[in-house]
Amino acid sequence: MTTTQQTDAAQNGPLEGLVVLDLTTALAGPYATLLLAGLGATVVKVENPASGGDSSRNNSPYFGGLGLTLDRTADTDMSVSMMGRGRNKKSITLDLKQARGREVFLRLARGADIVVENYAAGTADRLGVGYDDVRAVNPSVIYASISGFGAQGGTGKAMDSIIQALSGVMYTAGAPGGDPIRFGLPVGDLLAPLYAVVGVLAAKVNREATGRGQHVDVSMLGALTSLMSIEPFDAFAETGLPLRTGNEVPRLAPFGIFRAKDGFIALCGPTDTFARGVFRAMGRPEFGEDEDFATRDRRVRHASELHRLIGEWARDLPRAEVVAALSAQGVPAAEVLEPAEALRNPDVLAREEVVELGHPQHGATGLMGPGVPIRFSEASARLDRPAPHLGEHTDELLSGIGGYGQGEIAELRKSGVV
């Protein structure tokens, strides 16, 4: 391979050439297909023309000719949610509740490598587009389902807050004895799609070895509860260690979030080396020899006093000065950034882990959205094409993947199938 060929190859995504049929809506499913699109797959977003497509298209705020608005002011206005989640995808409208719509979908599925859906358990089967239906026309298909409780179903509806509530995660943050706290980041909606992508890629490797596709079944509740179990919260409870400690972690002292003059700082100093670095930064190196603070076990026992002393030192200093003093002593420390600051961190911008969102008509928006936080030495992973308007690529996809002629497409439009 020549140098030029190597350079050209490096511009392709690692999933280049794979076709994904995307039956997802809202967040959990669309984030999975967003990652697949960023990795180079051709993602065909199948949307119901009767309902207005993906529910995210109706999430306020919107961006359009008047800039950012809380209400849609023109047909070309697009939800900021869709601008982030729909990038690198192509949209086709298709009414799966019509028999002809199901026929069109299965015709497209013959040429697909992957199908992803996040309906409630059993819905895809009732529509006639479930795993068995697709496998009948494409035995090698990888079919991923993301649902609240898994393919067997569960009790009630699954939304992110419901999954957080059932997973136990709401009782891991906040002060002792306080009310449960919902995480501001929708962790249930975001963790399941990560596992789904892992499952899809593992199934792809398996298919290359066996020639067989398979069903990848991911539960939002299982994904989040599994992650919860990484920390031994049950063991903490049995041994009397507090599960909720607010912004400090006594069992790792010194460890926590502390107020500075102009904001907050985070520091992590659980080892003897880090702790002595904290003491030097404070100008109190003698604490390293103090009976109460000399060892980790003693620091844990006297965590409240230690954290009080750190708080008193930091509160009258600018946060940048506190972090600089700690960092100079080799202590892991950082300023606590507000979201708008964090999304414009030069480190993540340089690696395109966060990127500026674009609008199909109006270009750059000044708003930030996720990139693909993975760098490859021999491939490209990017989200650099704007989200499509509803049904924008219907004719192109019916023709290119489904093999439909213009007359057939016109008849499908006339009958309301697309």
Protein backbone atom coordinates (compact mmCIF):
# COMPACT_ATOMS: atom_id res chain seq x y z
CA MET A 1 0.00 0.00 0.00
CA THR A 2 1.38 3.40 -0.95
CA THR A 3 1.61 6.36 1.45
CA THR A 4 -1.26 8.03 -0.41
CA GLN A 5 -3.41 4.92 -0.08
CA GLN A 6 -2.62 4.72 3.63
CA THR A 7 -3.63 8.37 4.08
CA ASP A 8 -6.89 7.83 2.17
CA ALA A 9 -7.67 4.70 4.20
CA ALA A 10 -7.08 6.56 7.45
CA GLN A 11 -9.88 8.96 6.52
CA ASN A 12 -12.45 6.15 6.48
CA GLY A 13 -14.36 5.21 9.61
CA PRO A 14 -13.72 1.72 10.99
CA LEU A 15 -17.35 0.77 10.24
CA GLU A 16 -17.29 2.17 6.71
CA GLY A 17 -19.54 0.15 4.38
CA LEU A 18 -21.89 -1.14 7.08
CA VAL A 19 -25.57 -0.21 6.76
CA VAL A 20 -27.57 0.36 9.95
CA LEU A 21 -31.36 0.59 9.99
CA ASP A 22 -32.23 2.85 12.89
CA LEU A 23 -35.69 2.34 14.41
CA THR A 24 -34.86 4.33 17.54
CA THR A 25 -36.33 7.45 19.11
CA ALA A 26 -35.68 9.82 22.05
CA LEU A 27 -32.18 9.31 23.54
CA ALA A 28 -31.09 5.78 24.49
CA GLY A 29 -31.43 4.34 20.99
CA PRO A 30 -30.37 7.43 19.01
CA TYR A 31 -27.17 7.76 21.03
CA ALA A 32 -26.20 4.19 20.09
CA THR A 33 -26.77 4.88 16.38
CA LEU A 34 -25.02 8.25 16.69
CA LEU A 35 -21.88 6.44 17.80
CA LEU A 36 -22.20 3.91 14.98
CA ALA A 37 -22.60 6.81 12.53
CA GLY A 38 -19.55 8.53 13.98
CA LEU A 39 -17.59 5.32 13.49
CA GLY A 40 -18.40 5.42 9.78
CA ALA A 41 -21.52 3.29 9.34
CA THR A 42 -24.31 4.45 7.03
CA VAL A 43 -27.18 5.00 9.45
CA VAL A 44 -30.68 5.04 7.94
CA LYS A 45 -33.03 6.71 10.42
CA VAL A 46 -36.53 5.29 9.89
CA GLU A 47 -39.16 7.78 11.09
CA ASN A 48 -42.95 7.69 11.16
CA PRO A 49 -44.35 10.45 8.92
CA ALA A 50 -47.68 10.42 10.76
CA SER A 51 -46.19 11.22 14.18
CA GLY A 52 -43.63 13.79 13.06
CA GLY A 53 -40.71 11.40 13.37
CA ASP A 54 -38.33 11.00 16.29
CA SER A 55 -39.79 12.52 19.46
CA SER A 56 -36.57 14.50 19.87
CA ARG A 57 -37.60 16.65 16.90
CA ASN A 58 -40.13 18.28 19.23
CA ASN A 59 -37.78 18.99 22.14
CA SER A 60 -37.39 22.68 22.96
CA PRO A 61 -35.24 24.73 22.39
CA TYR A 62 -34.97 25.08 18.60
CA PHE A 63 -32.43 26.68 16.29
CA GLY A 64 -33.32 28.36 12.99
CA GLY A 65 -33.21 31.62 11.09
CA LEU A 66 -33.97 33.60 14.26
CA GLY A 67 -31.27 31.83 16.23
CA LEU A 68 -32.13 29.98 19.44
CA THR A 69 -35.83 30.01 20.41
CA LEU A 70 -38.07 28.17 22.87
CA ASP A 71 -40.81 27.69 20.26
CA ARG A 72 -40.59 26.53 16.64
CA THR A 73 -40.98 29.61 14.42
CA ALA A 74 -40.45 28.10 10.95
CA ASP A 75 -40.50 24.74 9.19
CA THR A 76 -36.71 24.73 8.95
CA ASP A 77 -36.24 25.21 12.71
CA MET A 78 -34.65 22.14 14.28
CA SER A 79 -34.60 20.97 17.86
CA VAL A 80 -31.16 21.28 19.43
CA SER A 81 -31.65 17.71 20.69
CA MET A 82 -32.05 16.44 17.13
CA MET A 83 -29.15 18.60 15.91
CA GLY A 84 -26.95 16.67 18.32
CA ARG A 85 -28.40 13.16 18.04
CA GLY A 86 -29.15 13.10 14.32
CA ARG A 87 -25.73 13.96 12.92
CA ASN A 88 -24.19 11.78 10.20
CA LYS A 89 -27.57 10.03 9.76
CA LYS A 90 -29.95 9.89 6.80
CA SER A 91 -33.70 10.14 7.36
CA ILE A 92 -36.39 8.13 5.61
CA THR A 93 -40.09 8.36 6.45
CA LEU A 94 -41.93 5.05 6.65
CA ASP A 95 -45.23 4.11 8.29
CA LEU A 96 -44.59 0.71 9.83
CA LYS A 97 -48.20 0.39 10.93
CA GLN A 98 -49.18 -0.12 7.31
CA ALA A 99 -48.59 -3.52 5.72
CA ARG A 100 -46.83 -1.87 2.78
CA GLY A 101 -44.61 0.00 5.22
CA ARG A 102 -43.48 -3.25 6.81
CA GLU A 103 -42.83 -4.70 3.36
CA VAL A 104 -40.64 -1.72 2.46
CA PHE A 105 -38.72 -2.00 5.73
CA LEU A 106 -38.02 -5.70 5.24
CA ARG A 107 -36.88 -5.01 1.69
CA LEU A 108 -34.42 -2.45 3.06
CA ALA A 109 -33.40 -4.93 5.77
CA ARG A 110 -32.22 -7.42 3.15
CA GLY A 111 -29.33 -5.07 2.42
CA ALA A 112 -28.63 -4.03 6.01
CA ASP A 113 -25.91 -5.26 8.34
CA ILE A 114 -27.37 -4.01 11.61
CA VAL A 115 -30.80 -3.02 12.96
CA VAL A 116 -31.17 -1.04 16.18
CA GLU A 117 -34.49 -0.43 17.96
CA ASN A 118 -35.54 0.87 21.37
CA TYR A 119 -39.26 0.19 21.42
CA ALA A 120 -40.85 -1.20 24.56
CA ALA A 121 -40.28 -4.96 24.72
CA GLY A 122 -42.45 -6.82 22.20
CA THR A 123 -43.45 -3.76 20.16
CA ALA A 124 -41.16 -4.49 17.21
CA ASP A 125 -42.53 -8.03 17.00
CA ARG A 126 -46.11 -6.74 17.01
CA LEU A 127 -45.22 -4.34 14.18
CA GLY A 128 -43.73 -7.20 12.19
CA VAL A 129 -40.19 -5.77 12.24
CA GLY A 130 -38.73 -7.75 15.15
CA TYR A 131 -35.63 -9.92 15.11
CA ASP A 132 -37.38 -13.02 13.77
CA ASP A 133 -39.01 -11.00 10.98
CA VAL A 134 -35.72 -9.45 9.89
CA ARG A 135 -33.74 -12.67 10.30
CA ALA A 136 -36.19 -14.40 7.95
CA VAL A 137 -35.06 -12.12 5.11
CA ASN A 138 -31.47 -11.58 6.29
CA PRO A 139 -30.04 -14.45 8.40
CA SER A 140 -26.74 -12.63 9.01
CA VAL A 141 -28.32 -9.50 10.48
CA ILE A 142 -27.19 -8.15 13.85
CA TYR A 143 -30.32 -6.90 15.58
CA ALA A 144 -29.88 -4.78 18.71
CA SER A 145 -32.73 -4.03 21.12
CA ILE A 146 -32.45 -1.44 23.88
CA SER A 147 -35.35 -1.50 26.34
CA GLY A 148 -36.05 -0.64 29.93
CA PHE A 149 -36.05 -4.17 31.31
CA GLY A 150 -34.83 -6.40 28.51
CA ALA A 151 -36.59 -8.50 25.90
CA GLN A 152 -38.67 -10.34 28.51
CA GLY A 153 -40.29 -7.05 29.54
CA GLY A 154 -40.93 -5.59 32.98
CA THR A 155 -43.49 -3.77 35.06
CA GLY A 156 -44.37 -0.24 34.05
CA LYS A 157 -42.87 2.24 31.61
CA ALA A 158 -39.13 2.81 31.48
CA MET A 159 -37.88 6.38 31.45
CA ASP A 160 -34.46 7.53 32.63
CA SER A 161 -35.74 8.71 36.04
CA ILE A 162 -37.58 5.40 36.54
CA ILE A 163 -34.43 3.44 35.75
CA GLN A 164 -32.37 5.64 38.10
CA ALA A 165 -34.94 5.05 40.83
CA LEU A 166 -34.92 1.25 40.42
CA SER A 167 -31.12 0.96 40.11
CA GLY A 168 -30.35 2.43 43.53
CA VAL A 169 -28.17 5.15 42.07
CA MET A 170 -30.37 7.91 43.55
CA TYR A 171 -29.17 6.92 47.02
CA THR A 172 -25.46 7.18 46.19
CA ALA A 173 -25.24 10.98 45.97
CA GLY A 174 -26.20 13.72 48.39
CA ALA A 175 -25.81 14.15 52.12
CA PRO A 176 -26.49 11.42 54.69
CA GLY A 177 -30.17 11.25 55.55
CA GLY A 178 -31.14 13.48 52.64
CA ASP A 179 -33.74 12.84 50.00
CA PRO A 180 -32.81 10.71 46.97
CA ILE A 181 -31.21 12.71 44.15
CA ARG A 182 -31.81 12.27 40.44
CA PHE A 183 -28.58 12.60 38.49
CA GLY A 184 -28.80 15.62 36.19
CA LEU A 185 -27.09 13.65 33.42
CA PRO A 186 -29.53 10.98 32.14
CA VAL A 187 -27.20 8.11 33.02
CA GLY A 188 -29.78 5.39 32.41
CA ASP A 189 -30.45 6.64 28.90
CA LEU A 190 -26.74 7.00 28.11
CA LEU A 191 -25.22 3.87 29.63
CA ALA A 192 -27.47 1.32 27.88
CA PRO A 193 -26.54 2.52 24.35
CA LEU A 194 -22.85 2.21 25.18
CA TYR A 195 -23.39 -1.44 26.09
CA ALA A 196 -25.50 -1.87 22.96
CA VAL A 197 -22.65 -0.63 20.76
CA VAL A 198 -20.24 -2.95 22.57
CA GLY A 199 -22.67 -5.80 21.93
CA VAL A 200 -23.10 -4.92 18.25
CA LEU A 201 -19.36 -4.80 17.67
CA ALA A 202 -18.84 -8.09 19.52
CA ALA A 203 -21.59 -9.68 17.40
CA LYS A 204 -19.90 -8.33 14.28
CA VAL A 205 -16.64 -10.04 15.26
CA ASN A 206 -18.56 -13.24 15.93
CA ARG A 207 -20.33 -12.99 12.57
CA GLU A 208 -17.00 -12.68 10.79
CA ALA A 209 -15.98 -15.98 12.38
CA THR A 210 -19.26 -17.89 12.02
CA GLY A 211 -21.25 -16.12 9.31
CA ARG A 212 -24.24 -15.92 11.66
CA GLY A 213 -26.00 -12.85 12.95
CA GLN A 214 -27.73 -12.63 16.31
CA HIS A 215 -29.98 -10.64 18.63
CA VAL A 216 -28.22 -8.23 21.02
CA ASP A 217 -30.54 -7.53 23.97
CA VAL A 218 -29.66 -4.67 26.38
CA SER A 219 -31.65 -3.64 29.43
CA MET A 220 -31.40 -0.05 30.69
CA LEU A 221 -32.04 -1.21 34.25
CA GLY A 222 -29.51 -4.02 34.01
CA ALA A 223 -26.85 -1.76 32.53
CA LEU A 224 -27.13 0.86 35.26
CA THR A 225 -27.53 -1.59 38.15
CA SER A 226 -24.54 -3.58 36.88
CA LEU A 227 -22.46 -0.42 36.93
CA MET A 228 -23.74 0.36 40.43
CA SER A 229 -22.43 -2.98 41.66
CA ILE A 230 -18.84 -2.00 40.78
CA GLU A 231 -18.75 -0.18 44.13
CA PRO A 232 -19.52 -2.55 47.07
CA PHE A 233 -22.42 -0.54 48.44
CA ASP A 234 -23.95 -3.61 50.07
CA ALA A 235 -20.66 -4.26 51.90
CA PHE A 236 -20.54 -0.62 52.99
CA ALA A 237 -23.99 -0.96 54.49
CA GLU A 238 -23.15 -4.19 56.34
CA THR A 239 -19.95 -2.77 57.83
CA GLY A 240 -21.45 0.54 58.84
CA LEU A 241 -19.71 2.74 56.27
CA PRO A 242 -21.94 5.56 55.06
CA LEU A 243 -23.34 5.19 51.54
CA ARG A 244 -23.92 8.92 51.12
CA THR A 245 -21.30 11.42 52.24
CA GLY A 246 -22.11 14.60 50.31
CA ASN A 247 -19.17 16.25 48.58
CA GLU A 248 -16.56 14.48 50.69
CA VAL A 249 -15.54 10.82 50.87
CA PRO A 250 -14.27 10.12 54.41
CA ARG A 251 -13.01 6.62 53.59
CA LEU A 252 -10.58 8.19 51.07
CA ALA A 253 -9.65 11.33 53.02
CA PRO A 254 -8.49 13.81 51.93
CA PHE A 255 -10.99 13.56 49.10
CA GLY A 256 -13.81 15.91 48.13
CA ILE A 257 -15.10 19.16 46.72
CA PHE A 258 -14.19 22.34 48.56
CA ARG A 259 -15.31 25.95 48.25
CA ALA A 260 -12.75 28.48 47.09
CA LYS A 261 -13.12 32.26 46.95
CA ASP A 262 -14.60 32.24 43.43
CA GLY A 263 -15.97 28.73 42.98
CA PHE A 264 -15.16 25.16 43.90
CA ILE A 265 -12.23 22.78 43.54
CA ALA A 266 -12.03 18.99 43.57
CA LEU A 267 -9.10 17.13 45.07
CA CYS A 268 -8.29 13.45 45.40
CA GLY A 269 -5.56 12.57 47.90
CA PRO A 270 -6.23 9.06 49.27
CA THR A 271 -2.59 7.87 49.37
CA ASP A 272 0.09 8.92 51.84
CA THR A 273 2.05 10.59 49.04
CA PHE A 274 -0.92 12.63 47.85
CA ALA A 275 -1.96 13.55 51.40
CA ARG A 276 1.50 14.89 52.20
CA GLY A 277 1.32 16.89 48.98
CA VAL A 278 -1.93 18.44 50.21
CA PHE A 279 -0.28 19.36 53.50
CA ARG A 280 2.67 21.01 51.73
CA ALA A 281 0.31 22.96 49.45
CA MET A 282 -1.49 24.20 52.55
CA GLY A 283 1.79 25.30 54.07
CA ARG A 284 1.37 22.73 56.85
CA PRO A 285 3.87 19.96 56.05
CA GLU A 286 3.95 19.01 59.74
CA PHE A 287 0.49 17.44 59.34
CA GLY A 288 2.26 14.56 57.64
CA GLU A 289 3.77 13.59 60.97
CA ASP A 290 0.69 14.37 63.04
CA GLU A 291 -0.68 11.29 64.80
CA ASP A 292 -4.17 12.03 63.46
CA PHE A 293 -3.11 12.40 59.82
CA ALA A 294 0.10 10.38 59.32
CA THR A 295 -1.53 7.23 57.87
CA ARG A 296 -4.52 6.53 55.70
CA ASP A 297 -6.46 4.77 58.45
CA ARG A 298 -5.85 7.67 60.83
CA ARG A 299 -6.90 10.21 58.20
CA VAL A 300 -10.11 8.27 57.60
CA ARG A 301 -10.82 8.23 61.34
CA HIS A 302 -10.27 12.01 61.52
CA ALA A 303 -11.70 12.87 58.10
CA SER A 304 -14.11 15.52 59.38
CA GLU A 305 -11.34 17.53 61.03
CA LEU A 306 -9.01 17.10 58.05
CA HIS A 307 -11.64 18.24 55.57
CA ARG A 308 -12.51 21.20 57.80
CA LEU A 309 -8.87 22.35 57.76
CA ILE A 310 -8.66 22.02 53.97
CA GLY A 311 -11.89 23.98 53.61
CA GLU A 312 -10.59 26.79 55.81
CA TRP A 313 -7.39 27.02 53.75
CA ALA A 314 -9.15 27.05 50.36
CA ARG A 315 -12.11 29.33 51.04
CA ASP A 316 -10.22 32.65 50.88
CA LEU A 317 -8.11 31.81 47.81
CA PRO A 318 -9.05 31.92 44.10
CA ARG A 319 -9.79 28.43 42.82
CA ALA A 320 -7.02 28.66 40.21
CA GLU A 321 -4.50 29.41 42.97
CA VAL A 322 -5.70 26.47 45.07
CA VAL A 323 -5.46 24.08 42.13
CA ALA A 324 -2.03 25.43 41.15
CA ALA A 325 -0.72 24.92 44.70
CA LEU A 326 -2.04 21.34 44.85
CA SER A 327 -0.87 20.46 41.34
CA ALA A 328 2.62 21.78 42.10
CA GLN A 329 2.81 19.15 44.84
CA GLY A 330 1.61 16.36 42.54
CA VAL A 331 -1.92 16.19 44.00
CA PRO A 332 -4.80 15.39 41.60
CA ALA A 333 -6.91 18.55 41.67
CA ALA A 334 -9.10 20.58 39.33
CA GLU A 335 -11.46 23.52 39.22
CA VAL A 336 -15.13 22.48 39.22
CA LEU A 337 -16.41 23.79 35.91
CA GLU A 338 -19.95 24.75 35.02
CA PRO A 339 -21.34 22.93 31.96
CA ALA A 340 -20.81 25.84 29.54
CA GLU A 341 -17.14 26.04 30.60
CA ALA A 342 -16.60 22.29 30.46
CA LEU A 343 -18.06 21.97 26.95
CA ARG A 344 -15.48 24.48 25.71
CA ASN A 345 -12.48 22.97 27.46
CA PRO A 346 -9.59 23.30 24.97
CA ASP A 347 -8.46 19.74 25.71
CA VAL A 348 -11.74 18.13 24.62
CA LEU A 349 -12.20 20.55 21.71
CA ALA A 350 -8.75 19.76 20.33
CA ARG A 351 -9.60 16.04 20.29
CA GLU A 352 -13.10 16.67 18.85
CA GLU A 353 -14.65 14.91 21.82
CA VAL A 354 -17.04 17.86 21.93
CA VAL A 355 -17.80 19.70 18.69
CA GLU A 356 -19.89 22.62 17.51
CA LEU A 357 -23.32 21.69 16.19
CA GLY A 358 -24.36 22.71 12.70
CA HIS A 359 -27.80 23.33 11.19
CA PRO A 360 -28.69 22.00 7.69
CA GLN A 361 -29.61 25.49 6.42
CA HIS A 362 -28.11 27.96 8.86
CA GLY A 363 -24.66 26.50 9.45
CA ALA A 364 -22.70 26.99 12.66
CA THR A 365 -24.75 27.54 15.80
CA GLY A 366 -22.26 28.20 18.59
CA LEU A 367 -23.87 25.30 20.49
CA MET A 368 -21.87 22.27 21.53
CA GLY A 369 -22.65 18.56 21.19
CA PRO A 370 -20.87 15.23 21.59
CA GLY A 371 -18.16 14.10 19.24
CA VAL A 372 -16.83 10.54 19.17
CA PRO A 373 -14.47 10.33 22.17
CA ILE A 374 -12.23 7.72 20.55
CA ARG A 375 -9.11 8.34 18.48
CA PHE A 376 -7.80 5.75 16.00
CA SER A 377 -4.31 5.63 14.53
CA GLU A 378 -5.48 4.14 11.22
CA ALA A 379 -9.07 5.35 10.86
CA SER A 380 -11.30 8.35 11.37
CA ALA A 381 -14.23 8.73 13.78
CA ARG A 382 -16.11 11.99 13.31
CA LEU A 383 -19.56 13.53 13.56
CA ASP A 384 -19.24 16.25 10.95
CA ARG A 385 -22.51 16.12 8.96
CA PRO A 386 -25.61 17.95 10.23
CA ALA A 387 -28.76 16.17 11.30
CA PRO A 388 -31.31 15.65 8.50
CA HIS A 389 -34.78 17.10 8.29
CA LEU A 390 -37.60 14.57 8.54
CA GLY A 391 -37.59 12.31 5.47
CA GLU A 392 -34.83 14.28 3.76
CA HIS A 393 -33.25 11.20 2.17
CA THR A 394 -36.35 9.08 1.55
CA ASP A 395 -36.05 8.87 -2.25
CA GLU A 396 -32.28 8.36 -2.15
CA LEU A 397 -32.53 5.48 0.33
CA LEU A 398 -35.50 3.75 -1.26
CA SER A 399 -33.66 3.81 -4.55
CA GLY A 400 -30.13 3.08 -3.36
CA ILE A 401 -30.78 0.44 -0.70
CA GLY A 402 -34.27 -0.80 -1.52
CA GLY A 403 -33.89 -0.77 -5.30
CA TYR A 404 -37.20 1.06 -5.83
CA GLY A 405 -37.86 2.91 -9.07
CA GLN A 406 -39.22 6.45 -9.23
CA GLY A 407 -42.68 5.23 -10.17
CA GLU A 408 -42.80 2.90 -7.17
CA ILE A 409 -41.61 5.66 -4.86
CA ALA A 410 -44.29 8.01 -6.17
CA GLU A 411 -46.96 5.35 -5.52
CA LEU A 412 -45.65 4.82 -1.96
CA ARG A 413 -45.91 8.55 -1.34
CA LYS A 414 -49.40 8.71 -2.75
CA SER A 415 -50.57 5.92 -0.45
CA GLY A 416 -49.00 7.56 2.62
CA VAL A 417 -46.52 4.75 3.24
CA VAL A 418 -43.59 7.19 3.08
